[in-house]
Amino acid sequence: MAPRKPGPAMTFARKLAELAESVAAHSSAKFAEKQALLEAAEELVNAVAELESTFRKSEPFDPNAPVHLWVSLAAAFRIGGRTLRDPFRERVERETKKAIMDTRMEHVRAGKEPKSKKLGDVIQRVAEDTWRQNPELRERIGKTVSRIAPTVEQELKKCGLRAATRTIHFHVSELIKSRTAG
């Protein structure tokens, strides 16, 4: 007699087991997740096989049939809970999105920091040269800015940078604050 073709329950159980195994094989799966999925997949296939065998028997009742049914349902529930809503994939997606945003921010910071540092350095150097020559301007933000703005613009142009007057004003006011505070 040829081996029987698996019934729909076994086909379904095997598909769920394959799904569990594919998720468990993912590189980001934690050990506990892998173990839980693989264990549930094995329990599901074994329990459904036992159920099919029990139901094919000519005996009207097997006292273990409810246990096998319960084990198969519990295993299917665990597989479904980890693959259908899939907290594993949700975590991987969150981590991936965070990594992408972190990488983008690094590129943004890397692009802006050198320019702002260069800008601040130029403004500080020109302001301090001006204050050495004109100490009375040390406490006067507006007069310092109007005096140094053309020189700052020339220096920045050499570096391929530009600065609005309000930016120069901000940097000069920060320099003056740091001098009076320290």
Foldseek 3Di string as FASTA:
>chain_A
DDDDDDDPQLVVLQVLLVLLCVLLPDPQDDPVSNVLSNVLSVQQNVLVVVLVVQVPDPDPDDPCNVVSVVSNVVSSVSSCVCRVVNPPVVVVVVVVVVVVVVVVVVVVCVVPVVVVVVLLVLLVVQLVVVCVVPVVCLQPLVVSLVVCVVVSQVVQVVVVDGDDSVRSSVSSVVVSVVVVVD
